[in-house]
Structures are given as C-alpha cells and as structure tokens.
Amino acid sequence: MHAKKIATTQDKLGLFRIKELVLIKPSFEEQNEIVRRVESLFAYADRLEARYSNARAQVEKLTPSLLAKAFRGELVPQDPNDEPASELLARIAAARSTDKPVKTRQSSRAKTTPSSQKG
C-alpha cells in the first residue's frame, strides 16, 4: 500500500487564483483616520519611552545616594534611646561565646498559640 501525499504548501500562486481573492479595502477617509491614529499612538509611545528613560536615569542616580543615606542612618529619625550598634555587636559576640542564643523579637507568625498546639 502506498502512502498518500498531501500538499500543505504551494510552489506557485497563479494569477487566476489571485484574481479570485476578494480584498476589501477601507475608504480613503478611513485609511487616513487609521494612519492618524497609528501616528498618534506612536507619538504617545515615544513620549512614554522618553519618560521611562528619564525615570530610569533618576533611579540610577538615586540608588547610590539612597544606600549611602541608609548606612549613615539618615532615612528615618533616630531614637536617642536606641543602643549603639557597637554595644549590640558586643552583646551578640558575648552570647555566641557562651553558646547562648541571642534573644530576638519573635514575629507574631512564629509564635504558637494553644489552638495551634492541639493535635
């Protein structure tokens, strides 16, 4: 038994077939309106791209200065009652040397409630 071949592409497209195609084109006024809208959308896209480039340049300038301010503690008002970082680090080092875990605040999610301990 021979396999049947099915063509999925056509080598040539004859003029008689092209003449059979029904092509509907919009009126000249409608074509002009389509062109006007497309040009308007391209102009809008250009404006958006310019705004994006400007914003990106500002972010690239802002990031290093923002990090510098964060390390200097200038982003939020400082509480004078907070212990200095050097004391906190000394306390952590002392706790590690005695193998005691450092007391930290436990988040509300990490806390267990009596209802979650039920079996």
PDB file of N, CA and C in Angstrom:
ATOM      1  N   MET A   1       0.843  -1.169   0.000  1.00  0.00           N
ATOM      2  CA  MET A   1       0.000   0.000   0.000  1.00  0.00           C
ATOM      3  C   MET A   1       0.895   1.241   0.000  1.00  0.00           C
ATOM      4  N   HIS A   2       0.601   2.180  -0.842  1.00  0.00           N
ATOM      5  CA  HIS A   2       1.379   3.404  -0.957  1.00  0.00           C
ATOM      6  C   HIS A   2       0.739   4.498  -0.109  1.00  0.00           C
ATOM      7  N   ALA A   3       1.577   5.270   0.592  1.00  0.00           N
ATOM      8  CA  ALA A   3       1.073   6.381   1.403  1.00  0.00           C
ATOM      9  C   ALA A   3       0.643   7.508   0.485  1.00  0.00           C
ATOM     10  N   LYS A   4      -0.458   8.114   0.833  1.00  0.00           N
ATOM     11  CA  LYS A   4      -0.981   9.212   0.046  1.00  0.00           C
ATOM     12  C   LYS A   4      -0.279  10.502   0.458  1.00  0.00           C
ATOM     13  N   LYS A   5       0.183  11.302  -0.495  1.00  0.00           N
ATOM     14  CA  LYS A   5       0.851  12.561  -0.195  1.00  0.00           C
ATOM     15  C   LYS A   5      -0.175  13.686  -0.200  1.00  0.00           C
ATOM     16  N   ILE A   6      -0.054  14.537   0.823  1.00  0.00           N
ATOM     17  CA  ILE A   6      -0.937  15.695   0.914  1.00  0.00           C
ATOM     18  C   ILE A   6      -0.060  16.934   0.895  1.00  0.00           C
ATOM     19  N   ALA A   7      -0.347  17.840  -0.019  1.00  0.00           N
ATOM     20  CA  ALA A   7       0.450  19.060  -0.131  1.00  0.00           C
ATOM     21  C   ALA A   7      -0.087  20.099   0.853  1.00  0.00           C
ATOM     22  N   THR A   8       0.827  20.691   1.624  1.00  0.00           N
ATOM     23  CA  THR A   8       0.420  21.738   2.563  1.00  0.00           C
ATOM     24  C   THR A   8       0.909  23.102   2.119  1.00  0.00           C
ATOM     25  N   THR A   9       1.792  23.102   1.136  1.00  0.00           N
ATOM     26  CA  THR A   9       2.270  24.368   0.603  1.00  0.00           C
ATOM     27  C   THR A   9       2.136  24.324  -0.907  1.00  0.00           C
ATOM     28  N   GLN A  10       2.170  25.490  -1.484  1.00  0.00           N
ATOM     29  CA  GLN A  10       2.021  25.561  -2.919  1.00  0.00           C
ATOM     30  C   GLN A  10       3.236  26.278  -3.484  1.00  0.00           C
ATOM     31  N   ASP A  11       3.872  25.685  -4.466  1.00  0.00           N
ATOM     32  CA  ASP A  11       5.067  26.284  -5.043  1.00  0.00           C
ATOM     33  C   ASP A  11       4.759  27.598  -5.742  1.00  0.00           C
ATOM     34  N   LYS A  12       3.695  27.630  -6.478  1.00  0.00           N
ATOM     35  CA  LYS A  12       3.366  28.813  -7.259  1.00  0.00           C
ATOM     36  C   LYS A  12       1.934  29.230  -6.982  1.00  0.00           C
ATOM     37  N   LEU A  13       1.737  30.515  -7.021  1.00  0.00           N
ATOM     38  CA  LEU A  13       0.396  31.052  -6.857  1.00  0.00           C
ATOM     39  C   LEU A  13       0.057  31.749  -8.166  1.00  0.00           C
ATOM     40  N   GLY A  14      -0.793  31.116  -8.921  1.00  0.00           N
ATOM     41  CA  GLY A  14      -1.103  31.633 -10.250  1.00  0.00           C
ATOM     42  C   GLY A  14      -1.959  32.883 -10.203  1.00  0.00           C
ATOM     43  N   LEU A  15      -1.883  33.667 -11.285  1.00  0.00           N
ATOM     44  CA  LEU A  15      -2.625  34.912 -11.395  1.00  0.00           C
ATOM     45  C   LEU A  15      -4.131  34.659 -11.331  1.00  0.00           C
ATOM     46  N   PHE A  16      -4.578  33.548 -11.877  1.00  0.00           N
ATOM     47  CA  PHE A  16      -6.010  33.251 -11.842  1.00  0.00           C
ATOM     48  C   PHE A  16      -6.508  33.083 -10.408  1.00  0.00           C
ATOM     49  N   ARG A  17      -5.661  32.545  -9.521  1.00  0.00           N
ATOM     50  CA  ARG A  17      -6.060  32.388  -8.108  1.00  0.00           C
ATOM     51  C   ARG A  17      -6.061  33.735  -7.401  1.00  0.00           C
ATOM     52  N   ILE A  18      -5.101  34.567  -7.719  1.00  0.00           N
ATOM     53  CA  ILE A  18      -5.044  35.896  -7.091  1.00  0.00           C
ATOM     54  C   ILE A  18      -6.267  36.700  -7.482  1.00  0.00           C
ATOM     55  N   LYS A  19      -6.681  36.589  -8.734  1.00  0.00           N
ATOM     56  CA  LYS A  19      -7.859  37.329  -9.204  1.00  0.00           C
ATOM     57  C   LYS A  19      -9.128  36.878  -8.499  1.00  0.00           C
ATOM     58  N   GLU A  20      -9.144  35.646  -7.994  1.00  0.00           N
ATOM     59  CA  GLU A  20     -10.321  35.131  -7.292  1.00  0.00           C
ATOM     60  C   GLU A  20     -10.435  35.679  -5.865  1.00  0.00           C
ATOM     61  N   LEU A  21      -9.330  36.162  -5.315  1.00  0.00           N
ATOM     62  CA  LEU A  21      -9.343  36.654  -3.949  1.00  0.00           C
ATOM     63  C   LEU A  21     -10.187  37.919  -3.838  1.00  0.00           C
ATOM     64  N   VAL A  22     -10.970  37.975  -2.779  1.00  0.00           N
ATOM     65  CA  VAL A  22     -11.778  39.154  -2.528  1.00  0.00           C
ATOM     66  C   VAL A  22     -11.068  39.975  -1.459  1.00  0.00           C
ATOM     67  N   LEU A  23     -10.595  41.145  -1.835  1.00  0.00           N
ATOM     68  CA  LEU A  23      -9.909  42.026  -0.910  1.00  0.00           C
ATOM     69  C   LEU A  23     -10.761  43.270  -0.696  1.00  0.00           C
ATOM     70  N   ILE A  24     -11.034  43.528   0.555  1.00  0.00           N
ATOM     71  CA  ILE A  24     -11.829  44.705   0.881  1.00  0.00           C
ATOM     72  C   ILE A  24     -10.888  45.732   1.485  1.00  0.00           C
ATOM     73  N   LYS A  25     -10.853  46.899   0.900  1.00  0.00           N
ATOM     74  CA  LYS A  25     -10.004  47.945   1.459  1.00  0.00           C
ATOM     75  C   LYS A  25     -10.898  49.076   1.933  1.00  0.00           C
ATOM     76  N   PRO A  26     -10.492  49.708   3.028  1.00  0.00           N
ATOM     77  CA  PRO A  26     -11.311  50.796   3.570  1.00  0.00           C
ATOM     78  C   PRO A  26     -11.275  52.012   2.643  1.00  0.00           C
ATOM     79  N   SER A  27     -12.244  52.882   2.842  1.00  0.00           N
ATOM     80  CA  SER A  27     -12.313  54.102   2.034  1.00  0.00           C
ATOM     81  C   SER A  27     -11.086  54.963   2.319  1.00  0.00           C
ATOM     82  N   PHE A  28     -10.828  55.942   1.452  1.00  0.00           N
ATOM     83  CA  PHE A  28      -9.684  56.819   1.604  1.00  0.00           C
ATOM     84  C   PHE A  28      -9.761  57.578   2.929  1.00  0.00           C
ATOM     85  N   GLU A  29     -10.941  58.031   3.309  1.00  0.00           N
ATOM     86  CA  GLU A  29     -11.105  58.750   4.584  1.00  0.00           C
ATOM     87  C   GLU A  29     -10.783  57.840   5.759  1.00  0.00           C
ATOM     88  N   GLU A  30     -11.245  56.594   5.685  1.00  0.00           N
ATOM     89  CA  GLU A  30     -10.975  55.644   6.773  1.00  0.00           C
ATOM     90  C   GLU A  30      -9.486  55.305   6.834  1.00  0.00           C
ATOM     91  N   GLN A  31      -8.839  55.187   5.690  1.00  0.00           N
ATOM     92  CA  GLN A  31      -7.397  54.941   5.672  1.00  0.00           C
ATOM     93  C   GLN A  31      -6.659  56.094   6.341  1.00  0.00           C
ATOM     94  N   ASN A  32      -7.073  57.328   6.030  1.00  0.00           N
ATOM     95  CA  ASN A  32      -6.448  58.498   6.647  1.00  0.00           C
ATOM     96  C   ASN A  32      -6.641  58.496   8.164  1.00  0.00           C
ATOM     97  N   GLU A  33      -7.827  58.112   8.618  1.00  0.00           N
ATOM     98  CA  GLU A  33      -8.103  58.049  10.065  1.00  0.00           C
ATOM     99  C   GLU A  33      -7.237  56.977  10.728  1.00  0.00           C
ATOM    100  N   ILE A  34      -7.083  55.849  10.075  1.00  0.00           N
ATOM    101  CA  ILE A  34      -6.236  54.774  10.616  1.00  0.00           C
ATOM    102  C   ILE A  34      -4.795  55.266  10.741  1.00  0.00           C
ATOM    103  N   VAL A  35      -4.297  55.921   9.706  1.00  0.00           N
ATOM    104  CA  VAL A  35      -2.931  56.445   9.733  1.00  0.00           C
ATOM    105  C   VAL A  35      -2.790  57.475  10.848  1.00  0.00           C
ATOM    106  N   ARG A  36      -3.781  58.361  10.995  1.00  0.00           N
ATOM    107  CA  ARG A  36      -3.737  59.390  12.044  1.00  0.00           C
ATOM    108  C   ARG A  36      -3.669  58.754  13.424  1.00  0.00           C
ATOM    109  N   ARG A  37      -4.495  57.726  13.652  1.00  0.00           N
ATOM    110  CA  ARG A  37      -4.498  57.057  14.967  1.00  0.00           C
ATOM    111  C   ARG A  37      -3.186  56.332  15.231  1.00  0.00           C
ATOM    112  N   VAL A  38      -2.661  55.668  14.235  1.00  0.00           N
ATOM    113  CA  VAL A  38      -1.391  54.946  14.409  1.00  0.00           C
ATOM    114  C   VAL A  38      -0.271  55.932  14.718  1.00  0.00           C
ATOM    115  N   GLU A  39      -0.230  57.045  13.987  1.00  0.00           N
ATOM    116  CA  GLU A  39       0.800  58.053  14.249  1.00  0.00           C
ATOM    117  C   GLU A  39       0.652  58.641  15.648  1.00  0.00           C
ATOM    118  N   SER A  40      -0.589  58.841  16.082  1.00  0.00           N
ATOM    119  CA  SER A  40      -0.842  59.350  17.429  1.00  0.00           C
ATOM    120  C   SER A  40      -0.340  58.358  18.481  1.00  0.00           C
ATOM    121  N   LEU A  41      -0.578  57.070  18.255  1.00  0.00           N
ATOM    122  CA  LEU A  41      -0.122  56.048  19.203  1.00  0.00           C
ATOM    123  C   LEU A  41       1.406  55.942  19.220  1.00  0.00           C
ATOM    124  N   PHE A  42       2.035  56.078  18.058  1.00  0.00           N
ATOM    125  CA  PHE A  42       3.499  56.069  18.023  1.00  0.00           C
ATOM    126  C   PHE A  42       4.067  57.268  18.778  1.00  0.00           C
ATOM    127  N   ALA A  43       3.437  58.439  18.622  1.00  0.00           N
ATOM    128  CA  ALA A  43       3.895  59.624  19.351  1.00  0.00           C
ATOM    129  C   ALA A  43       3.747  59.413  20.849  1.00  0.00           C
ATOM    130  N   TYR A  44       2.638  58.806  21.266  1.00  0.00           N
ATOM    131  CA  TYR A  44       2.419  58.510  22.684  1.00  0.00           C
ATOM    132  C   TYR A  44       3.474  57.526  23.193  1.00  0.00           C
ATOM    133  N   ALA A  45       3.780  56.510  22.385  1.00  0.00           N
ATOM    134  CA  ALA A  45       4.807  55.530  22.770  1.00  0.00           C
ATOM    135  C   ALA A  45       6.169  56.207  22.898  1.00  0.00           C
ATOM    136  N   ASP A  46       6.465  57.132  22.011  1.00  0.00           N
ATOM    137  CA  ASP A  46       7.737  57.871  22.099  1.00  0.00           C
ATOM    138  C   ASP A  46       7.806  58.688  23.382  1.00  0.00           C
ATOM    139  N   ARG A  47       6.683  59.340  23.747  1.00  0.00           N
ATOM    140  CA  ARG A  47       6.659  60.119  24.996  1.00  0.00           C
ATOM    141  C   ARG A  47       6.843  59.214  26.207  1.00  0.00           C
ATOM    142  N   LEU A  48       6.192  58.054  26.190  1.00  0.00           N
ATOM    143  CA  LEU A  48       6.353  57.097  27.294  1.00  0.00           C
ATOM    144  C   LEU A  48       7.793  56.609  27.400  1.00  0.00           C
ATOM    145  N   GLU A  49       8.413  56.344  26.264  1.00  0.00           N
ATOM    146  CA  GLU A  49       9.792  55.876  26.268  1.00  0.00           C
ATOM    147  C   GLU A  49      10.722  56.950  26.832  1.00  0.00           C
ATOM    148  N   ALA A  50      10.466  58.211  26.483  1.00  0.00           N
ATOM    149  CA  ALA A  50      11.292  59.305  26.997  1.00  0.00           C
ATOM    150  C   ALA A  50      11.119  59.439  28.509  1.00  0.00           C
ATOM    151  N   ARG A  51       9.866  59.327  28.988  1.00  0.00           N
ATOM    152  CA  ARG A  51       9.614  59.396  30.435  1.00  0.00           C
ATOM    153  C   ARG A  51      10.293  58.240  31.151  1.00  0.00           C
ATOM    154  N   TYR A  52      10.241  57.045  30.555  1.00  0.00           N
ATOM    155  CA  TYR A  52      10.874  55.872  31.159  1.00  0.00           C
ATOM    156  C   TYR A  52      12.382  56.076  31.252  1.00  0.00           C
ATOM    157  N   SER A  53      12.983  56.559  30.166  1.00  0.00           N
ATOM    158  CA  SER A  53      14.436  56.778  30.169  1.00  0.00           C
ATOM    159  C   SER A  53      14.826  57.798  31.229  1.00  0.00           C
ATOM    160  N   ASN A  54      14.046  58.865  31.348  1.00  0.00           N
ATOM    161  CA  ASN A  54      14.312  59.898  32.347  1.00  0.00           C
ATOM    162  C   ASN A  54      14.188  59.323  33.765  1.00  0.00           C
ATOM    163  N   ALA A  55      13.128  58.558  34.000  1.00  0.00           N
ATOM    164  CA  ALA A  55      12.917  57.969  35.324  1.00  0.00           C
ATOM    165  C   ALA A  55      14.025  56.968  35.657  1.00  0.00           C
ATOM    166  N   ARG A  56      14.425  56.189  34.669  1.00  0.00           N
ATOM    167  CA  ARG A  56      15.486  55.206  34.908  1.00  0.00           C
ATOM    168  C   ARG A  56      16.808  55.899  35.256  1.00  0.00           C
ATOM    169  N   ALA A  57      17.107  56.991  34.566  1.00  0.00           N
ATOM    170  CA  ALA A  57      18.335  57.735  34.858  1.00  0.00           C
ATOM    171  C   ALA A  57      18.289  58.300  36.275  1.00  0.00           C
ATOM    172  N   GLN A  58      17.115  58.795  36.690  1.00  0.00           N
ATOM    173  CA  GLN A  58      16.981  59.317  38.050  1.00  0.00           C
ATOM    174  C   GLN A  58      17.151  58.206  39.079  1.00  0.00           C
ATOM    175  N   VAL A  59      16.595  57.032  38.814  1.00  0.00           N
ATOM    176  CA  VAL A  59      16.723  55.903  39.744  1.00  0.00           C
ATOM    177  C   VAL A  59      18.184  55.485  39.870  1.00  0.00           C
ATOM    178  N   GLU A  60      18.894  55.461  38.752  1.00  0.00           N
ATOM    179  CA  GLU A  60      20.301  55.064  38.804  1.00  0.00           C
ATOM    180  C   GLU A  60      21.133  56.055  39.606  1.00  0.00           C
ATOM    181  N   LYS A  61      20.751  57.327  39.580  1.00  0.00           N
ATOM    182  CA  LYS A  61      21.456  58.324  40.390  1.00  0.00           C
ATOM    183  C   LYS A  61      21.025  58.220  41.847  1.00  0.00           C
ATOM    184  N   LEU A  62      19.762  57.899  42.067  1.00  0.00           N
ATOM    185  CA  LEU A  62      19.191  57.879  43.412  1.00  0.00           C
ATOM    186  C   LEU A  62      19.702  56.691  44.223  1.00  0.00           C
ATOM    187  N   THR A  63      19.835  55.532  43.623  1.00  0.00           N
ATOM    188  CA  THR A  63      20.177  54.318  44.355  1.00  0.00           C
ATOM    189  C   THR A  63      21.461  54.456  45.174  1.00  0.00           C
ATOM    190  N   PRO A  64      22.588  54.915  44.615  1.00  0.00           N
ATOM    191  CA  PRO A  64      23.792  55.031  45.444  1.00  0.00           C
ATOM    192  C   PRO A  64      23.629  56.029  46.592  1.00  0.00           C
ATOM    193  N   SER A  65      22.962  57.163  46.314  1.00  0.00           N
ATOM    194  CA  SER A  65      22.805  58.147  47.386  1.00  0.00           C
ATOM    195  C   SER A  65      21.841  57.640  48.448  1.00  0.00           C
ATOM    196  N   LEU A  66      20.832  56.881  48.030  1.00  0.00           N
ATOM    197  CA  LEU A  66      19.886  56.308  48.991  1.00  0.00           C
ATOM    198  C   LEU A  66      20.584  55.287  49.885  1.00  0.00           C
ATOM    199  N   LEU A  67      21.410  54.451  49.300  1.00  0.00           N
ATOM    200  CA  LEU A  67      22.154  53.474  50.107  1.00  0.00           C
ATOM    201  C   LEU A  67      23.109  54.178  51.073  1.00  0.00           C
ATOM    202  N   ALA A  68      23.761  55.225  50.604  1.00  0.00           N
ATOM    203  CA  ALA A  68      24.677  55.960  51.471  1.00  0.00           C
ATOM    204  C   ALA A  68      23.922  56.561  52.654  1.00  0.00           C
ATOM    205  N   LYS A  69      22.751  57.141  52.395  1.00  0.00           N
ATOM    206  CA  LYS A  69      21.956  57.711  53.489  1.00  0.00           C
ATOM    207  C   LYS A  69      21.491  56.616  54.448  1.00  0.00           C
ATOM    208  N   ALA A  70      21.132  55.468  53.910  1.00  0.00           N
ATOM    209  CA  ALA A  70      20.688  54.370  54.769  1.00  0.00           C
ATOM    210  C   ALA A  70      21.803  53.933  55.706  1.00  0.00           C
ATOM    211  N   PHE A  71      23.018  53.812  55.190  1.00  0.00           N
ATOM    212  CA  PHE A  71      24.135  53.398  56.036  1.00  0.00           C
ATOM    213  C   PHE A  71      24.504  54.461  57.062  1.00  0.00           C
ATOM    214  N   ARG A  72      24.244  55.699  56.758  1.00  0.00           N
ATOM    215  CA  ARG A  72      24.520  56.774  57.716  1.00  0.00           C
ATOM    216  C   ARG A  72      23.359  56.963  58.697  1.00  0.00           C
ATOM    217  N   GLY A  73      22.235  56.246  58.474  1.00  0.00           N
ATOM    218  CA  GLY A  73      21.078  56.366  59.358  1.00  0.00           C
ATOM    219  C   GLY A  73      20.296  57.643  59.155  1.00  0.00           C
ATOM    220  N   GLU A  74      20.294  58.180  57.941  1.00  0.00           N
ATOM    221  CA  GLU A  74      19.634  59.441  57.676  1.00  0.00           C
ATOM    222  C   GLU A  74      18.241  59.289  57.053  1.00  0.00           C
ATOM    223  N   LEU A  75      17.763  58.084  56.894  1.00  0.00           N
ATOM    224  CA  LEU A  75      16.475  57.905  56.231  1.00  0.00           C
ATOM    225  C   LEU A  75      15.289  58.104  57.174  1.00  0.00           C
ATOM    226  N   VAL A  76      15.463  57.769  58.429  1.00  0.00           N
ATOM    227  CA  VAL A  76      14.387  57.926  59.407  1.00  0.00           C
ATOM    228  C   VAL A  76      14.931  58.646  60.623  1.00  0.00           C
ATOM    229  N   PRO A  77      14.075  59.297  61.384  1.00  0.00           N
ATOM    230  CA  PRO A  77      14.553  59.936  62.612  1.00  0.00           C
ATOM    231  C   PRO A  77      15.137  58.888  63.556  1.00  0.00           C
ATOM    232  N   GLN A  78      16.246  59.217  64.172  1.00  0.00           N
ATOM    233  CA  GLN A  78      16.908  58.273  65.062  1.00  0.00           C
ATOM    234  C   GLN A  78      16.399  58.454  66.491  1.00  0.00           C
ATOM    235  N   ASP A  79      16.209  57.329  67.177  1.00  0.00           N
ATOM    236  CA  ASP A  79      15.773  57.342  68.569  1.00  0.00           C
ATOM    237  C   ASP A  79      17.021  57.421  69.448  1.00  0.00           C
ATOM    238  N   PRO A  80      17.158  58.474  70.232  1.00  0.00           N
ATOM    239  CA  PRO A  80      18.353  58.583  71.076  1.00  0.00           C
ATOM    240  C   PRO A  80      18.433  57.495  72.143  1.00  0.00           C
ATOM    241  N   ASN A  81      17.317  56.805  72.413  1.00  0.00           N
ATOM    242  CA  ASN A  81      17.307  55.740  73.421  1.00  0.00           C
ATOM    243  C   ASN A  81      17.798  54.399  72.872  1.00  0.00           C
ATOM    244  N   ASP A  82      17.963  54.309  71.554  1.00  0.00           N
ATOM    245  CA  ASP A  82      18.472  53.055  70.966  1.00  0.00           C
ATOM    246  C   ASP A  82      19.921  52.851  71.382  1.00  0.00           C
ATOM    247  N   GLU A  83      20.264  51.578  71.628  1.00  0.00           N
ATOM    248  CA  GLU A  83      21.650  51.296  71.973  1.00  0.00           C
ATOM    249  C   GLU A  83      22.509  51.401  70.716  1.00  0.00           C
ATOM    250  N   PRO A  84      23.739  51.814  70.852  1.00  0.00           N
ATOM    251  CA  PRO A  84      24.633  51.898  69.690  1.00  0.00           C
ATOM    252  C   PRO A  84      24.884  50.515  69.105  1.00  0.00           C
ATOM    253  N   ALA A  85      25.162  50.475  67.819  1.00  0.00           N
ATOM    254  CA  ALA A  85      25.418  49.210  67.139  1.00  0.00           C
ATOM    255  C   ALA A  85      26.611  48.486  67.743  1.00  0.00           C
ATOM    256  N   SER A  86      27.606  49.239  68.199  1.00  0.00           N
ATOM    257  CA  SER A  86      28.792  48.606  68.779  1.00  0.00           C
ATOM    258  C   SER A  86      28.413  47.797  70.028  1.00  0.00           C
ATOM    259  N   GLU A  87      27.479  48.333  70.847  1.00  0.00           N
ATOM    260  CA  GLU A  87      27.048  47.592  72.042  1.00  0.00           C
ATOM    261  C   GLU A  87      26.258  46.345  71.649  1.00  0.00           C
ATOM    262  N   LEU A  88      25.414  46.461  70.647  1.00  0.00           N
ATOM    263  CA  LEU A  88      24.643  45.307  70.180  1.00  0.00           C
ATOM    264  C   LEU A  88      25.588  44.226  69.669  1.00  0.00           C
ATOM    265  N   LEU A  89      26.568  44.604  68.883  1.00  0.00           N
ATOM    266  CA  LEU A  89      27.532  43.631  68.356  1.00  0.00           C
ATOM    267  C   LEU A  89      28.324  42.975  69.484  1.00  0.00           C
ATOM    268  N   ALA A  90      28.690  43.749  70.502  1.00  0.00           N
ATOM    269  CA  ALA A  90      29.421  43.188  71.646  1.00  0.00           C
ATOM    270  C   ALA A  90      28.543  42.181  72.387  1.00  0.00           C
ATOM    271  N   ARG A  91      27.256  42.515  72.535  1.00  0.00           N
ATOM    272  CA  ARG A  91      26.330  41.611  73.204  1.00  0.00           C
ATOM    273  C   ARG A  91      26.168  40.312  72.412  1.00  0.00           C
ATOM    274  N   ILE A  92      26.069  40.418  71.091  1.00  0.00           N
ATOM    275  CA  ILE A  92      25.934  39.225  70.239  1.00  0.00           C
ATOM    276  C   ILE A  92      27.193  38.368  70.342  1.00  0.00           C
ATOM    277  N   ALA A  93      28.374  38.987  70.302  1.00  0.00           N
ATOM    278  CA  ALA A  93      29.634  38.245  70.403  1.00  0.00           C
ATOM    279  C   ALA A  93      29.725  37.539  71.747  1.00  0.00           C
ATOM    280  N   ALA A  94      29.312  38.208  72.813  1.00  0.00           N
ATOM    281  CA  ALA A  94      29.361  37.593  74.141  1.00  0.00           C
ATOM    282  C   ALA A  94      28.404  36.417  74.221  1.00  0.00           C
ATOM    283  N   ALA A  95      27.233  36.566  73.639  1.00  0.00           N
ATOM    284  CA  ALA A  95      26.255  35.478  73.673  1.00  0.00           C
ATOM    285  C   ALA A  95      26.750  34.282  72.864  1.00  0.00           C
ATOM    286  N   ARG A  96      27.403  34.533  71.746  1.00  0.00           N
ATOM    287  CA  ARG A  96      27.934  33.432  70.939  1.00  0.00           C
ATOM    288  C   ARG A  96      29.053  32.701  71.671  1.00  0.00           C
ATOM    289  N   SER A  97      29.850  33.429  72.411  1.00  0.00           N
ATOM    290  CA  SER A  97      30.970  32.791  73.101  1.00  0.00           C
ATOM    291  C   SER A  97      30.475  31.914  74.249  1.00  0.00           C
ATOM    292  N   THR A  98      29.321  32.211  74.812  1.00  0.00           N
ATOM    293  CA  THR A  98      28.775  31.377  75.886  1.00  0.00           C
ATOM    294  C   THR A  98      27.750  30.381  75.350  1.00  0.00           C
ATOM    295  N   ASP A  99      27.626  30.301  74.025  1.00  0.00           N
ATOM    296  CA  ASP A  99      26.694  29.388  73.361  1.00  0.00           C
ATOM    297  C   ASP A  99      25.249  29.613  73.762  1.00  0.00           C
ATOM    298  N   LYS A 100      24.910  30.776  74.214  1.00  0.00           N
ATOM    299  CA  LYS A 100      23.522  31.101  74.500  1.00  0.00           C
ATOM    300  C   LYS A 100      22.936  31.748  73.252  1.00  0.00           C
ATOM    301  N   PRO A 101      21.719  31.365  72.892  1.00  0.00           N
ATOM    302  CA  PRO A 101      21.107  32.042  71.747  1.00  0.00           C
ATOM    303  C   PRO A 101      20.790  33.498  72.107  1.00  0.00           C
ATOM    304  N   VAL A 102      20.952  34.353  71.157  1.00  0.00           N
ATOM    305  CA  VAL A 102      20.659  35.768  71.356  1.00  0.00           C
ATOM    306  C   VAL A 102      19.149  35.946  71.368  1.00  0.00           C
ATOM    307  N   LYS A 103      18.636  36.685  72.357  1.00  0.00           N
ATOM    308  CA  LYS A 103      17.212  36.939  72.416  1.00  0.00           C
ATOM    309  C   LYS A 103      16.825  37.911  71.315  1.00  0.00           C
ATOM    310  N   THR A 104      15.890  37.483  70.489  1.00  0.00           N
ATOM    311  CA  THR A 104      15.392  38.362  69.443  1.00  0.00           C
ATOM    312  C   THR A 104      13.884  38.413  69.542  1.00  0.00           C
ATOM    313  N   ARG A 105      13.328  39.447  68.963  1.00  0.00           N
ATOM    314  CA  ARG A 105      11.867  39.531  68.954  1.00  0.00           C
ATOM    315  C   ARG A 105      11.331  38.462  68.029  1.00  0.00           C
ATOM    316  N   GLN A 106      10.299  37.776  68.483  1.00  0.00           N
ATOM    317  CA  GLN A 106       9.682  36.738  67.680  1.00  0.00           C
ATOM    318  C   GLN A 106       8.504  37.356  66.953  1.00  0.00           C
ATOM    319  N   SER A 107       8.404  37.119  65.645  1.00  0.00           N
ATOM    320  CA  SER A 107       7.291  37.694  64.895  1.00  0.00           C
ATOM    321  C   SER A 107       5.996  37.048  65.341  1.00  0.00           C
ATOM    322  N   SER A 108       4.887  37.735  65.094  1.00  0.00           N
ATOM    323  CA  SER A 108       3.582  37.222  65.525  1.00  0.00           C
ATOM    324  C   SER A 108       3.245  35.924  64.818  1.00  0.00           C
ATOM    325  N   ARG A 109       3.774  35.703  63.611  1.00  0.00           N
ATOM    326  CA  ARG A 109       3.507  34.460  62.899  1.00  0.00           C
ATOM    327  C   ARG A 109       4.246  33.292  63.534  1.00  0.00           C
ATOM    328  N   ALA A 110       5.422  33.550  64.047  1.00  0.00           N
ATOM    329  CA  ALA A 110       6.254  32.468  64.589  1.00  0.00           C
ATOM    330  C   ALA A 110       5.755  32.016  65.967  1.00  0.00           C
ATOM    331  N   LYS A 111       5.012  32.874  66.659  1.00  0.00           N
ATOM    332  CA  LYS A 111       4.518  32.500  67.980  1.00  0.00           C
ATOM    333  C   LYS A 111       3.464  31.411  67.851  1.00  0.00           C
ATOM    334  N   THR A 112       3.487  30.488  68.784  1.00  0.00           N
ATOM    335  CA  THR A 112       2.487  29.417  68.754  1.00  0.00           C
ATOM    336  C   THR A 112       1.398  29.751  69.737  1.00  0.00           C
ATOM    337  N   THR A 113       0.200  29.414  69.366  1.00  0.00           N
ATOM    338  CA  THR A 113      -0.942  29.637  70.233  1.00  0.00           C
ATOM    339  C   THR A 113      -1.420  28.289  70.734  1.00  0.00           C
ATOM    340  N   PRO A 114      -2.155  28.256  71.845  1.00  0.00           N
ATOM    341  CA  PRO A 114      -2.647  26.970  72.346  1.00  0.00           C
ATOM    342  C   PRO A 114      -3.473  26.232  71.308  1.00  0.00           C
ATOM    343  N   SER A 115      -4.227  26.943  70.461  1.00  0.00           N
ATOM    344  CA  SER A 115      -5.053  26.277  69.477  1.00  0.00           C
ATOM    345  C   SER A 115      -4.201  25.602  68.393  1.00  0.00           C
ATOM    346  N   SER A 116      -3.011  26.174  68.086  1.00  0.00           N
ATOM    347  CA  SER A 116      -2.169  25.562  67.055  1.00  0.00           C
ATOM    348  C   SER A 116      -1.393  24.370  67.611  1.00  0.00           C
ATOM    349  N   GLN A 117      -1.356  24.192  68.937  1.00  0.00           N
ATOM    350  CA  GLN A 117      -0.636  23.080  69.508  1.00  0.00           C
ATOM    351  C   GLN A 117      -1.532  21.847  69.666  1.00  0.00           C
ATOM    352  N   LYS A 118      -2.817  22.019  69.448  1.00  0.00           N
ATOM    353  CA  LYS A 118      -3.715  20.870  69.569  1.00  0.00           C
ATOM    354  C   LYS A 118      -3.457  19.895  68.443  1.00  0.00           C
ATOM    355  N   GLY A 119      -3.597  18.637  68.752  1.00  0.00           N
ATOM    356  CA  GLY A 119      -3.213  17.599  67.893  1.00  0.00           C
ATOM    357  C   GLY A 119      -4.064  17.261  66.785  1.00  0.00           C
TER     358      GLY A 119
END
